[in-house]
PDB file of N, CA and C in Angstrom:
ATOM      1  N   UNK A   1       3.675   2.275   0.373  1.00  0.00           N
ATOM      2  CA  UNK A   1       4.971   1.900  -0.815  1.00  0.00           C
ATOM      3  C   UNK A   1       5.734   1.504  -1.679  1.00  0.00           C
ATOM      4  N   UNK A   2       5.087   1.329  -2.613  1.00  0.00           N
ATOM      5  CA  UNK A   2       4.886   2.296  -3.851  1.00  0.00           C
ATOM      6  C   UNK A   2       4.979   3.611  -4.327  1.00  0.00           C
ATOM      7  N   UNK A   3       4.515   4.114  -3.584  1.00  0.00           N
ATOM      8  CA  UNK A   3       3.423   5.151  -4.057  1.00  0.00           C
ATOM      9  C   UNK A   3       5.239   6.465  -3.490  1.00  0.00           C
ATOM     10  N   UNK A   4       5.231   6.194  -2.257  1.00  0.00           N
ATOM     11  CA  UNK A   4       6.409   6.486  -1.836  1.00  0.00           C
ATOM     12  C   UNK A   4       7.896   6.018  -2.728  1.00  0.00           C
ATOM     13  N   UNK A   5       8.288   4.551  -3.102  1.00  0.00           N
ATOM     14  CA  UNK A   5       9.657   4.405  -3.958  1.00  0.00           C
ATOM     15  C   UNK A   5       9.100   5.463  -4.569  1.00  0.00           C
ATOM     16  N   UNK A   6       8.571   4.827  -5.791  1.00  0.00           N
ATOM     17  CA  UNK A   6       8.344   5.978  -7.093  1.00  0.00           C
ATOM     18  C   UNK A   6       8.971   7.402  -6.782  1.00  0.00           C
ATOM     19  N   UNK A   7       7.801   8.417  -5.963  1.00  0.00           N
ATOM     20  CA  UNK A   7       8.357   9.877  -5.358  1.00  0.00           C
ATOM     21  C   UNK A   7       9.754   9.761  -5.279  1.00  0.00           C
ATOM     22  N   UNK A   8      10.269   8.841  -4.464  1.00  0.00           N
ATOM     23  CA  UNK A   8      12.071   9.361  -4.209  1.00  0.00           C
ATOM     24  C   UNK A   8      13.114   8.610  -5.622  1.00  0.00           C
ATOM     25  N   UNK A   9      12.291   7.867  -6.203  1.00  0.00           N
ATOM     26  CA  UNK A   9      12.751   7.295  -7.359  1.00  0.00           C
ATOM     27  C   UNK A   9      12.736   8.936  -8.226  1.00  0.00           C
ATOM     28  N   UNK A  10      11.435   9.778  -9.050  1.00  0.00           N
ATOM     29  CA  UNK A  10      11.781  10.659  -9.697  1.00  0.00           C
ATOM     30  C   UNK A  10      12.505  12.061  -9.177  1.00  0.00           C
ATOM     31  N   UNK A  11      12.709  12.138  -7.699  1.00  0.00           N
ATOM     32  CA  UNK A  11      12.912  13.457  -7.035  1.00  0.00           C
ATOM     33  C   UNK A  11      11.600  14.721  -7.069  1.00  0.00           C
ATOM     34  N   UNK A  12      12.098  15.743  -7.052  1.00  0.00           N
ATOM     35  CA  UNK A  12      11.723  16.637  -6.702  1.00  0.00           C
ATOM     36  C   UNK A  12      10.834  17.694  -7.812  1.00  0.00           C
ATOM     37  N   UNK A  13      10.994  17.144  -9.402  1.00  0.00           N
ATOM     38  CA  UNK A  13      10.738  17.515 -10.038  1.00  0.00           C
ATOM     39  C   UNK A  13       8.685  17.497 -10.353  1.00  0.00           C
ATOM     40  N   UNK A  14       8.557  18.496 -10.415  1.00  0.00           N
ATOM     41  CA  UNK A  14       6.606  17.716 -10.087  1.00  0.00           C
ATOM     42  C   UNK A  14       6.084  16.933 -11.486  1.00  0.00           C
ATOM     43  N   UNK A  15       6.425  17.410 -12.905  1.00  0.00           N
ATOM     44  CA  UNK A  15       6.189  16.690 -13.903  1.00  0.00           C
ATOM     45  C   UNK A  15       6.331  15.711 -13.531  1.00  0.00           C
ATOM     46  N   UNK A  16       7.589  15.256 -12.780  1.00  0.00           N
ATOM     47  CA  UNK A  16       7.855  13.067 -12.800  1.00  0.00           C
ATOM     48  C   UNK A  16       7.565  12.267 -11.816  1.00  0.00           C
ATOM     49  N   UNK A  17       6.433  13.403 -11.205  1.00  0.00           N
ATOM     50  CA  UNK A  17       5.713  13.203  -9.662  1.00  0.00           C
ATOM     51  C   UNK A  17       4.282  12.797 -10.253  1.00  0.00           C
ATOM     52  N   UNK A  18       3.738  13.637 -11.150  1.00  0.00           N
ATOM     53  CA  UNK A  18       2.847  13.434 -11.650  1.00  0.00           C
ATOM     54  C   UNK A  18       2.846  12.018 -12.550  1.00  0.00           C
ATOM     55  N   UNK A  19       3.512  12.152 -13.348  1.00  0.00           N
ATOM     56  CA  UNK A  19       3.583  10.761 -14.457  1.00  0.00           C
ATOM     57  C   UNK A  19       3.775   9.246 -13.251  1.00  0.00           C
ATOM     58  N   UNK A  20       4.408  10.056 -13.016  1.00  0.00           N
ATOM     59  CA  UNK A  20       4.271   8.592 -11.176  1.00  0.00           C
ATOM     60  C   UNK A  20       3.222   8.251 -10.374  1.00  0.00           C
ATOM     61  N   UNK A  21       1.880   9.258 -10.459  1.00  0.00           N
ATOM     62  CA  UNK A  21       1.221   9.455  -9.793  1.00  0.00           C
ATOM     63  C   UNK A  21       0.289   8.517 -10.481  1.00  0.00           C
ATOM     64  N   UNK A  22       0.789   8.969 -11.691  1.00  0.00           N
ATOM     65  CA  UNK A  22      -0.175   8.605 -13.496  1.00  0.00           C
ATOM     66  C   UNK A  22       0.144   6.577 -12.879  1.00  0.00           C
ATOM     67  N   UNK A  23       0.938   6.288 -13.769  1.00  0.00           N
ATOM     68  CA  UNK A  23       1.072   5.978 -13.604  1.00  0.00           C
ATOM     69  C   UNK A  23       0.964   4.515 -12.734  1.00  0.00           C
ATOM     70  N   UNK A  24       0.557   4.689 -11.664  1.00  0.00           N
ATOM     71  CA  UNK A  24      -0.052   3.826  -9.997  1.00  0.00           C
ATOM     72  C   UNK A  24      -0.885   4.322  -9.942  1.00  0.00           C
ATOM     73  N   UNK A  25      -1.622   4.788 -10.863  1.00  0.00           N
ATOM     74  CA  UNK A  25      -2.621   5.227 -10.298  1.00  0.00           C
ATOM     75  C   UNK A  25      -3.549   4.303 -11.426  1.00  0.00           C
ATOM     76  N   UNK A  26      -3.238   3.854 -13.337  1.00  0.00           N
ATOM     77  CA  UNK A  26      -3.087   2.980 -13.759  1.00  0.00           C
ATOM     78  C   UNK A  26      -3.269   2.088 -13.474  1.00  0.00           C
ATOM     79  N   UNK A  27      -1.894   1.350 -13.292  1.00  0.00           N
ATOM     80  CA  UNK A  27      -1.018   0.299 -12.301  1.00  0.00           C
ATOM     81  C   UNK A  27      -2.009  -0.077 -11.570  1.00  0.00           C
ATOM     82  N   UNK A  28      -2.756   0.361 -10.439  1.00  0.00           N
ATOM     83  CA  UNK A  28      -3.882   0.371  -9.824  1.00  0.00           C
ATOM     84  C   UNK A  28      -5.195  -0.419 -10.400  1.00  0.00           C
ATOM     85  N   UNK A  29      -4.959   0.820 -11.445  1.00  0.00           N
ATOM     86  CA  UNK A  29      -6.958   0.248 -11.793  1.00  0.00           C
ATOM     87  C   UNK A  29      -7.333  -0.960 -12.327  1.00  0.00           C
ATOM     88  N   UNK A  30      -5.757  -1.126 -13.328  1.00  0.00           N
ATOM     89  CA  UNK A  30      -4.950  -2.516 -13.444  1.00  0.00           C
ATOM     90  C   UNK A  30      -6.181  -4.178 -12.992  1.00  0.00           C
ATOM     91  N   UNK A  31      -4.509  -4.012 -11.829  1.00  0.00           N
ATOM     92  CA  UNK A  31      -4.855  -4.445 -11.159  1.00  0.00           C
ATOM     93  C   UNK A  31      -6.375  -5.217 -10.165  1.00  0.00           C
ATOM     94  N   UNK A  32      -7.486  -3.780 -10.025  1.00  0.00           N
ATOM     95  CA  UNK A  32      -8.496  -3.790  -9.359  1.00  0.00           C
ATOM     96  C   UNK A  32      -9.316  -4.342 -10.631  1.00  0.00           C
ATOM     97  N   UNK A  33      -9.371  -4.146 -11.228  1.00  0.00           N
ATOM     98  CA  UNK A  33     -10.515  -5.055 -12.431  1.00  0.00           C
ATOM     99  C   UNK A  33      -9.546  -6.349 -12.886  1.00  0.00           C
ATOM    100  N   UNK A  34      -9.027  -5.929 -12.602  1.00  0.00           N
ATOM    101  CA  UNK A  34      -8.482  -7.822 -12.911  1.00  0.00           C
ATOM    102  C   UNK A  34      -8.901  -8.810 -11.797  1.00  0.00           C
ATOM    103  N   UNK A  35      -9.269  -8.267 -10.108  1.00  0.00           N
ATOM    104  CA  UNK A  35      -9.211  -9.524  -9.753  1.00  0.00           C
ATOM    105  C   UNK A  35     -11.388  -9.124  -9.492  1.00  0.00           C
ATOM    106  N   UNK A  36     -12.037  -7.935 -10.053  1.00  0.00           N
ATOM    107  CA  UNK A  36     -12.617  -7.947 -10.254  1.00  0.00           C
ATOM    108  C   UNK A  36     -12.925  -9.339 -11.524  1.00  0.00           C
ATOM    109  N   UNK A  37     -12.707  -8.840 -11.613  1.00  0.00           N
ATOM    110  CA  UNK A  37     -12.888 -10.037 -13.052  1.00  0.00           C
ATOM    111  C   UNK A  37     -12.783 -11.617 -12.614  1.00  0.00           C
ATOM    112  N   UNK A  38     -11.300 -11.861 -11.810  1.00  0.00           N
ATOM    113  CA  UNK A  38     -11.416 -13.326 -11.540  1.00  0.00           C
ATOM    114  C   UNK A  38     -13.123 -13.600 -10.549  1.00  0.00           C
ATOM    115  N   UNK A  39     -13.598 -12.077  -9.559  1.00  0.00           N
ATOM    116  CA  UNK A  39     -14.234 -12.786  -8.483  1.00  0.00           C
ATOM    117  C   UNK A  39     -15.583 -12.504  -9.236  1.00  0.00           C
ATOM    118  N   UNK A  40     -15.749 -12.393 -10.588  1.00  0.00           N
ATOM    119  CA  UNK A  40     -16.695 -13.072 -11.569  1.00  0.00           C
ATOM    120  C   UNK A  40     -16.918 -14.263 -12.449  1.00  0.00           C
ATOM    121  N   UNK A  41     -15.834 -14.625 -12.814  1.00  0.00           N
ATOM    122  CA  UNK A  41     -15.811 -16.128 -13.436  1.00  0.00           C
ATOM    123  C   UNK A  41     -15.640 -16.791 -12.034  1.00  0.00           C
ATOM    124  N   UNK A  42     -15.108 -16.817 -10.900  1.00  0.00           N
ATOM    125  CA  UNK A  42     -15.462 -17.460  -9.821  1.00  0.00           C
ATOM    126  C   UNK A  42     -16.588 -17.892  -9.384  1.00  0.00           C
ATOM    127  N   UNK A  43     -17.590 -16.988  -9.781  1.00  0.00           N
ATOM    128  CA  UNK A  43     -19.056 -16.500  -9.303  1.00  0.00           C
ATOM    129  C   UNK A  43     -19.655 -17.439  -9.586  1.00  0.00           C
ATOM    130  N   UNK A  44     -19.350 -17.068 -11.064  1.00  0.00           N
ATOM    131  CA  UNK A  44     -20.906 -17.500 -12.368  1.00  0.00           C
ATOM    132  C   UNK A  44     -19.055 -18.837 -12.485  1.00  0.00           C
ATOM    133  N   UNK A  45     -18.370 -19.575 -12.216  1.00  0.00           N
ATOM    134  CA  UNK A  45     -18.584 -21.478 -12.469  1.00  0.00           C
ATOM    135  C   UNK A  45     -19.355 -22.004 -10.744  1.00  0.00           C
ATOM    136  N   UNK A  46     -19.069 -21.089  -9.620  1.00  0.00           N
ATOM    137  CA  UNK A  46     -19.899 -21.960  -9.023  1.00  0.00           C
ATOM    138  C   UNK A  46     -20.962 -21.343  -8.771  1.00  0.00           C
ATOM    139  N   UNK A  47     -22.185 -20.601  -9.497  1.00  0.00           N
ATOM    140  CA  UNK A  47     -23.584 -20.910  -9.765  1.00  0.00           C
ATOM    141  C   UNK A  47     -23.323 -22.147 -11.093  1.00  0.00           C
ATOM    142  N   UNK A  48     -22.355 -22.501 -11.638  1.00  0.00           N
ATOM    143  CA  UNK A  48     -22.800 -22.971 -13.504  1.00  0.00           C
ATOM    144  C   UNK A  48     -22.612 -24.972 -11.804  1.00  0.00           C
ATOM    145  N   UNK A  49     -22.101 -24.921 -11.009  1.00  0.00           N
ATOM    146  CA  UNK A  49     -22.280 -26.140 -10.427  1.00  0.00           C
ATOM    147  C   UNK A  49     -22.766 -26.164  -9.381  1.00  0.00           C
ATOM    148  N   UNK A  50     -23.268 -25.413  -8.938  1.00  0.00           N
ATOM    149  CA  UNK A  50     -25.098 -25.321  -7.971  1.00  0.00           C
ATOM    150  C   UNK A  50     -26.368 -25.543  -9.641  1.00  0.00           C
ATOM    151  N   UNK A  51     -26.332 -25.505 -10.147  1.00  0.00           N
ATOM    152  CA  UNK A  51     -26.805 -25.111 -11.111  1.00  0.00           C
ATOM    153  C   UNK A  51     -27.216 -26.882 -11.450  1.00  0.00           C
ATOM    154  N   UNK A  52     -26.183 -27.679 -12.021  1.00  0.00           N
ATOM    155  CA  UNK A  52     -25.604 -28.338 -12.069  1.00  0.00           C
ATOM    156  C   UNK A  52     -26.120 -30.065 -11.386  1.00  0.00           C
ATOM    157  N   UNK A  53     -26.142 -29.450 -10.211  1.00  0.00           N
ATOM    158  CA  UNK A  53     -27.323 -30.411  -9.017  1.00  0.00           C
ATOM    159  C   UNK A  53     -27.879 -30.444  -9.455  1.00  0.00           C
TER     160      UNK A  53
END
């Protein structure tokens, strides 16, 4: 949905489309790495709590 909106916003110019795809890819990578980091932090926290028992 976001990709389609970016494509419509930038029209038919292929340079803008490439930039939009690159921007979207970088944004998704950032979100993905943040999710992985939060998952690891949560997992470590759970392991620490389990170790203290």
